[in-house]
Each structure stands twice: as C-alpha cells, then as structure tokens.
Amino acid sequence: MIYPSIDKLLNVVDSKYQLVHIAARRSREMSKTDFYQMPINKYKSSKNIGRALEEVAEGLITIKKKEDDDE
C-alpha cells in the first residue's frame, strides 16, 4: 500500500498532474538544500519524492490557486 493515499492527496491538490509537478519540484528542492519541514524520523518514506508527498498530505506545502483573468 502506498502512503499517503492518492485520495488523501487529491483532497489537497486539484489534479494528479498538479500533484506530480508540486512533488517533483519539492523533491528537487530537498535534494539541493537538504531542508525538510519535518524531522527526518517522522517521514515514512526514505526517498525525497515520497517525503514531498507526505508534506503535501500534512498541509505543509501551500498551493496557490491561479486566478482566472477575465480581461
């Protein structure tokens, strides 16, 4: 079984495509900076991509919604 579940993640993010983009971007950031928003021992995943998904599920990553331009 995968943690966190896709159902839980899609409650936070609107689409699977946006979720992949956010997780990949955060994973690269973790690799470059070694900055984690939770203590390392709190993560269930050993890989940064899984850790990024856990951060999304926990609400540690805020997603800005793009506003539609009606002009």
N, C-alpha and C. Protein backbone atom coordinates (compact mmCIF):
# COMPACT_ATOMS: atom_id res chain seq x y z
N MET A 1 0.83 -1.18 0.00
CA MET A 1 0.00 0.00 0.00
C MET A 1 0.88 1.25 0.00
N ILE A 2 0.45 2.25 -0.70
CA ILE A 2 1.23 3.48 -0.85
C ILE A 2 0.77 4.49 0.21
N TYR A 3 1.74 5.17 0.81
CA TYR A 3 1.43 6.22 1.77
C TYR A 3 2.05 7.50 1.29
N PRO A 4 1.39 8.58 1.31
CA PRO A 4 -0.03 8.78 1.59
C PRO A 4 -0.88 8.36 0.41
N SER A 5 -2.14 8.08 0.66
CA SER A 5 -3.02 7.60 -0.41
C SER A 5 -3.34 8.72 -1.39
N ILE A 6 -3.58 8.34 -2.62
CA ILE A 6 -3.89 9.32 -3.67
C ILE A 6 -5.19 10.05 -3.34
N ASP A 7 -6.12 9.38 -2.70
CA ASP A 7 -7.39 10.03 -2.33
C ASP A 7 -7.15 11.17 -1.35
N LYS A 8 -6.30 10.94 -0.37
CA LYS A 8 -6.00 11.99 0.61
C LYS A 8 -5.27 13.16 -0.07
N LEU A 9 -4.36 12.84 -0.98
CA LEU A 9 -3.61 13.89 -1.67
C LEU A 9 -4.51 14.72 -2.58
N LEU A 10 -5.47 14.08 -3.23
CA LEU A 10 -6.36 14.81 -4.15
C LEU A 10 -7.36 15.67 -3.40
N ASN A 11 -7.48 15.51 -2.09
CA ASN A 11 -8.28 16.44 -1.29
C ASN A 11 -7.55 17.75 -1.09
N VAL A 12 -6.24 17.71 -1.22
CA VAL A 12 -5.40 18.90 -1.04
C VAL A 12 -5.12 19.59 -2.37
N VAL A 13 -4.84 18.78 -3.39
CA VAL A 13 -4.48 19.29 -4.72
C VAL A 13 -5.59 18.95 -5.70
N ASP A 14 -5.84 19.84 -6.66
CA ASP A 14 -6.96 19.67 -7.58
C ASP A 14 -6.80 18.53 -8.58
N SER A 15 -5.59 18.30 -9.05
CA SER A 15 -5.42 17.28 -10.09
C SER A 15 -4.15 16.47 -9.87
N LYS A 16 -4.12 15.30 -10.46
CA LYS A 16 -2.95 14.43 -10.37
C LYS A 16 -1.74 15.09 -11.02
N TYR A 17 -1.96 15.82 -12.10
CA TYR A 17 -0.87 16.46 -12.83
C TYR A 17 -0.23 17.56 -11.98
N GLN A 18 -1.06 18.33 -11.30
CA GLN A 18 -0.54 19.37 -10.42
C GLN A 18 0.21 18.74 -9.25
N LEU A 19 -0.30 17.63 -8.75
CA LEU A 19 0.35 16.93 -7.65
C LEU A 19 1.75 16.45 -8.05
N VAL A 20 1.87 15.88 -9.24
CA VAL A 20 3.17 15.41 -9.74
C VAL A 20 4.14 16.58 -9.86
N HIS A 21 3.67 17.68 -10.39
CA HIS A 21 4.51 18.87 -10.56
C HIS A 21 5.01 19.39 -9.21
N ILE A 22 4.11 19.50 -8.25
CA ILE A 22 4.46 20.02 -6.93
C ILE A 22 5.44 19.08 -6.22
N ALA A 23 5.16 17.78 -6.27
CA ALA A 23 6.03 16.81 -5.59
C ALA A 23 7.41 16.76 -6.22
N ALA A 24 7.48 16.81 -7.53
CA ALA A 24 8.77 16.79 -8.21
C ALA A 24 9.59 18.03 -7.88
N ARG A 25 8.94 19.17 -7.87
CA ARG A 25 9.63 20.42 -7.56
C ARG A 25 10.16 20.41 -6.12
N ARG A 26 9.32 19.97 -5.19
CA ARG A 26 9.72 19.92 -3.78
C ARG A 26 10.83 18.89 -3.57
N SER A 27 10.75 17.77 -4.26
CA SER A 27 11.77 16.74 -4.15
C SER A 27 13.13 17.26 -4.60
N ARG A 28 13.15 17.97 -5.71
CA ARG A 28 14.41 18.57 -6.20
C ARG A 28 14.94 19.58 -5.19
N GLU A 29 14.04 20.36 -4.60
CA GLU A 29 14.44 21.35 -3.61
C GLU A 29 15.07 20.66 -2.39
N MET A 30 14.48 19.55 -1.95
CA MET A 30 15.03 18.80 -0.82
C MET A 30 16.43 18.28 -1.15
N SER A 31 16.62 17.79 -2.36
CA SER A 31 17.91 17.25 -2.77
C SER A 31 18.99 18.33 -2.78
N LYS A 32 18.63 19.52 -3.24
CA LYS A 32 19.60 20.60 -3.35
C LYS A 32 19.94 21.23 -2.00
N THR A 33 18.92 21.42 -1.14
CA THR A 33 19.12 22.19 0.08
C THR A 33 19.21 21.36 1.35
N ASP A 34 18.80 20.10 1.30
CA ASP A 34 18.73 19.25 2.50
C ASP A 34 17.85 19.87 3.58
N PHE A 35 16.85 20.65 3.18
CA PHE A 35 15.89 21.24 4.12
C PHE A 35 14.62 20.41 4.10
N TYR A 36 14.21 19.94 5.28
CA TYR A 36 12.99 19.16 5.43
C TYR A 36 12.08 19.87 6.42
N GLN A 37 10.80 19.85 6.18
CA GLN A 37 9.86 20.58 7.04
C GLN A 37 9.46 19.79 8.28
N MET A 38 9.80 18.52 8.32
CA MET A 38 9.54 17.70 9.50
C MET A 38 10.85 17.04 9.89
N PRO A 39 10.96 16.59 11.13
CA PRO A 39 12.16 15.82 11.50
C PRO A 39 12.26 14.57 10.62
N ILE A 40 13.46 14.20 10.24
CA ILE A 40 13.69 13.08 9.32
C ILE A 40 13.03 11.79 9.83
N ASN A 41 13.05 11.55 11.12
CA ASN A 41 12.48 10.31 11.65
C ASN A 41 10.95 10.28 11.60
N LYS A 42 10.30 11.39 11.30
CA LYS A 42 8.84 11.44 11.19
C LYS A 42 8.34 11.00 9.81
N TYR A 43 9.22 11.03 8.82
CA TYR A 43 8.84 10.61 7.47
C TYR A 43 8.76 9.09 7.39
N LYS A 44 7.76 8.58 6.70
CA LYS A 44 7.67 7.14 6.48
C LYS A 44 8.50 6.72 5.28
N SER A 45 8.65 7.61 4.32
CA SER A 45 9.39 7.31 3.10
C SER A 45 10.87 7.65 3.28
N SER A 46 11.70 6.87 2.61
CA SER A 46 13.14 7.14 2.67
C SER A 46 13.61 7.98 1.48
N LYS A 47 12.75 8.16 0.48
CA LYS A 47 13.11 8.92 -0.71
C LYS A 47 12.43 10.29 -0.68
N ASN A 48 13.09 11.26 -1.31
CA ASN A 48 12.58 12.63 -1.27
C ASN A 48 11.22 12.78 -1.95
N ILE A 49 10.96 12.02 -3.00
CA ILE A 49 9.67 12.15 -3.68
C ILE A 49 8.54 11.73 -2.74
N GLY A 50 8.75 10.68 -2.00
CA GLY A 50 7.77 10.23 -1.01
C GLY A 50 7.63 11.22 0.13
N ARG A 51 8.74 11.79 0.54
CA ARG A 51 8.71 12.80 1.60
C ARG A 51 7.95 14.05 1.15
N ALA A 52 8.13 14.43 -0.10
CA ALA A 52 7.41 15.58 -0.64
C ALA A 52 5.90 15.31 -0.64
N LEU A 53 5.50 14.11 -1.01
CA LEU A 53 4.08 13.75 -0.98
C LEU A 53 3.54 13.74 0.45
N GLU A 54 4.35 13.31 1.40
CA GLU A 54 3.93 13.35 2.79
C GLU A 54 3.73 14.78 3.26
N GLU A 55 4.59 15.70 2.82
CA GLU A 55 4.45 17.11 3.18
C GLU A 55 3.17 17.69 2.60
N VAL A 56 2.84 17.31 1.38
CA VAL A 56 1.59 17.76 0.76
C VAL A 56 0.41 17.25 1.59
N ALA A 57 0.43 15.99 1.95
CA ALA A 57 -0.67 15.38 2.71
C ALA A 57 -0.82 16.04 4.08
N GLU A 58 0.27 16.43 4.69
CA GLU A 58 0.23 17.06 6.01
C GLU A 58 -0.14 18.54 5.95
N GLY A 59 -0.22 19.09 4.75
CA GLY A 59 -0.57 20.51 4.61
C GLY A 59 0.60 21.44 4.83
N LEU A 60 1.81 20.93 4.75
CA LEU A 60 3.00 21.75 4.95
C LEU A 60 3.38 22.55 3.71
N ILE A 61 2.83 22.16 2.58
CA ILE A 61 3.07 22.88 1.33
C ILE A 61 1.77 23.56 0.94
N THR A 62 1.83 24.86 0.77
CA THR A 62 0.63 25.59 0.37
C THR A 62 0.59 25.69 -1.14
N ILE A 63 -0.59 25.51 -1.68
CA ILE A 63 -0.79 25.56 -3.12
C ILE A 63 -1.56 26.83 -3.44
N LYS A 64 -0.94 27.68 -4.23
CA LYS A 64 -1.61 28.91 -4.64
C LYS A 64 -2.46 28.61 -5.86
N LYS A 65 -3.70 29.01 -5.81
CA LYS A 65 -4.59 28.81 -6.94
C LYS A 65 -4.45 30.01 -7.88
N LYS A 66 -4.29 29.72 -9.14
CA LYS A 66 -4.16 30.77 -10.13
C LYS A 66 -5.54 31.36 -10.41
N GLU A 67 -5.63 32.66 -10.33
CA GLU A 67 -6.91 33.31 -10.58
C GLU A 67 -7.10 33.50 -12.07
N ASP A 68 -8.33 33.32 -12.51
CA ASP A 68 -8.65 33.49 -13.93
C ASP A 68 -8.66 34.96 -14.29
N ASP A 69 -8.08 35.27 -15.44
CA ASP A 69 -8.08 36.65 -15.94
C ASP A 69 -9.30 36.81 -16.84
N ASP A 70 -10.23 37.66 -16.44
CA ASP A 70 -11.44 37.88 -17.23
C ASP A 70 -11.30 39.05 -18.18
N GLU A 71 -10.11 39.60 -18.27
CA GLU A 71 -9.92 40.78 -19.12
C GLU A 71 -9.73 40.39 -20.55
